[in-house]
Amino acid sequence: METRVAVMSIIVENPDSVEALNALLHTFSPYVIGRMGIPYRDKNISIISVAVDAPQNEISALSGKIGKLNGVSIKTAYSGVISSE
């Protein structure tokens, strides 16, 4: 199986979506290398960065599911590194 390394940049503007976001990230936890969350209290948003190493279809599936959450924006940047497991 080929995997890629990617970074997902997530901005949460609706605090009610945090629980669903965390549930999705937990579901995909085998692929998560690490994550960093920064609460930006002055703007009432959260900025989250998630590094993953996963098959392309799994990265796309997670990104799509996160993007459907209310008040959540996501962009994914892919590395050129593709590995076979």
Protein backbone atom coordinates (compact mmCIF):
# COMPACT_ATOMS: atom_id res chain seq x y z
CA MET A 1 0.00 0.00 0.00
CA GLU A 2 1.37 3.42 -0.94
CA THR A 3 1.12 6.26 1.56
CA ARG A 4 1.77 9.99 1.35
CA VAL A 5 2.72 12.53 3.93
CA ALA A 6 0.38 15.52 4.12
CA VAL A 7 -0.47 18.41 6.40
CA MET A 8 -4.07 19.43 6.98
CA SER A 9 -4.69 23.03 8.02
CA ILE A 10 -8.04 23.41 9.74
CA ILE A 11 -9.82 26.53 10.96
CA VAL A 12 -12.80 26.05 13.26
CA GLU A 13 -15.19 29.00 13.44
CA ASN A 14 -18.09 27.07 14.98
CA PRO A 15 -17.26 25.64 18.44
CA ASP A 16 -20.24 23.28 18.14
CA SER A 17 -18.32 21.34 15.46
CA VAL A 18 -15.30 20.58 17.65
CA GLU A 19 -16.72 17.33 19.03
CA ALA A 20 -17.47 15.98 15.54
CA LEU A 21 -14.03 17.08 14.33
CA ASN A 22 -12.30 15.29 17.20
CA ALA A 23 -14.36 12.15 16.52
CA LEU A 24 -13.24 12.16 12.88
CA LEU A 25 -9.60 12.66 13.83
CA HIS A 26 -9.90 9.82 16.34
CA THR A 27 -11.32 7.53 13.64
CA PHE A 28 -8.30 8.26 11.44
CA SER A 29 -5.81 8.18 14.34
CA PRO A 30 -3.74 5.28 12.92
CA TYR A 31 -2.60 7.68 10.18
CA VAL A 32 -2.01 10.77 12.35
CA ILE A 33 1.66 11.61 12.92
CA GLY A 34 0.84 14.56 15.17
CA ARG A 35 -1.44 17.52 15.64
CA MET A 36 -1.21 21.01 17.04
CA GLY A 37 -4.13 23.19 18.05
CA ILE A 38 -3.99 26.90 18.73
CA PRO A 39 -7.01 28.66 20.22
CA TYR A 40 -7.17 32.22 18.89
CA ARG A 41 -9.39 33.66 21.59
CA ASP A 42 -9.39 37.23 20.24
CA LYS A 43 -11.10 36.00 17.06
CA ASN A 44 -13.04 33.14 18.71
CA ILE A 45 -11.58 30.54 16.34
CA SER A 46 -9.27 27.53 16.61
CA ILE A 47 -6.40 26.81 14.23
CA ILE A 48 -5.41 23.17 13.96
CA SER A 49 -2.60 21.54 12.02
CA VAL A 50 -2.62 17.77 11.52
CA ALA A 51 0.27 15.82 9.96
CA VAL A 52 -0.70 12.46 8.44
CA ASP A 53 0.96 9.56 6.64
CA ALA A 54 -1.80 7.66 4.86
CA PRO A 55 -3.03 6.31 1.53
CA GLN A 56 -4.19 9.07 -0.81
CA ASN A 57 -7.82 7.92 -0.66
CA GLU A 58 -7.84 8.02 3.16
CA ILE A 59 -6.42 11.55 3.22
CA SER A 60 -9.04 12.67 0.70
CA ALA A 61 -11.84 10.96 2.65
CA LEU A 62 -10.84 12.62 5.93
CA SER A 63 -10.41 16.01 4.29
CA GLY A 64 -13.82 15.74 2.64
CA LYS A 65 -15.56 14.74 5.87
CA ILE A 66 -13.93 17.56 7.82
CA GLY A 67 -14.83 20.06 5.09
CA LYS A 68 -18.52 19.15 5.44
CA LEU A 69 -18.61 20.15 9.11
CA ASN A 70 -20.47 23.39 9.83
CA GLY A 71 -18.10 26.32 10.34
CA VAL A 72 -14.95 24.33 9.57
CA SER A 73 -12.51 25.09 6.74
CA ILE A 74 -9.71 22.78 5.63
CA LYS A 75 -6.84 22.83 3.15
CA THR A 76 -4.46 19.94 2.62
CA ALA A 77 -0.87 20.17 1.38
CA TYR A 78 0.76 17.00 0.10
CA SER A 79 4.44 16.14 0.09
CA GLY A 80 6.05 14.48 -2.90
CA VAL A 81 7.14 11.63 -0.65
CA ILE A 82 5.29 8.40 -1.49
CA SER A 83 6.22 5.26 0.44
CA SER A 84 5.23 1.65 0.11
CA GLU A 85 4.42 -0.25 3.26
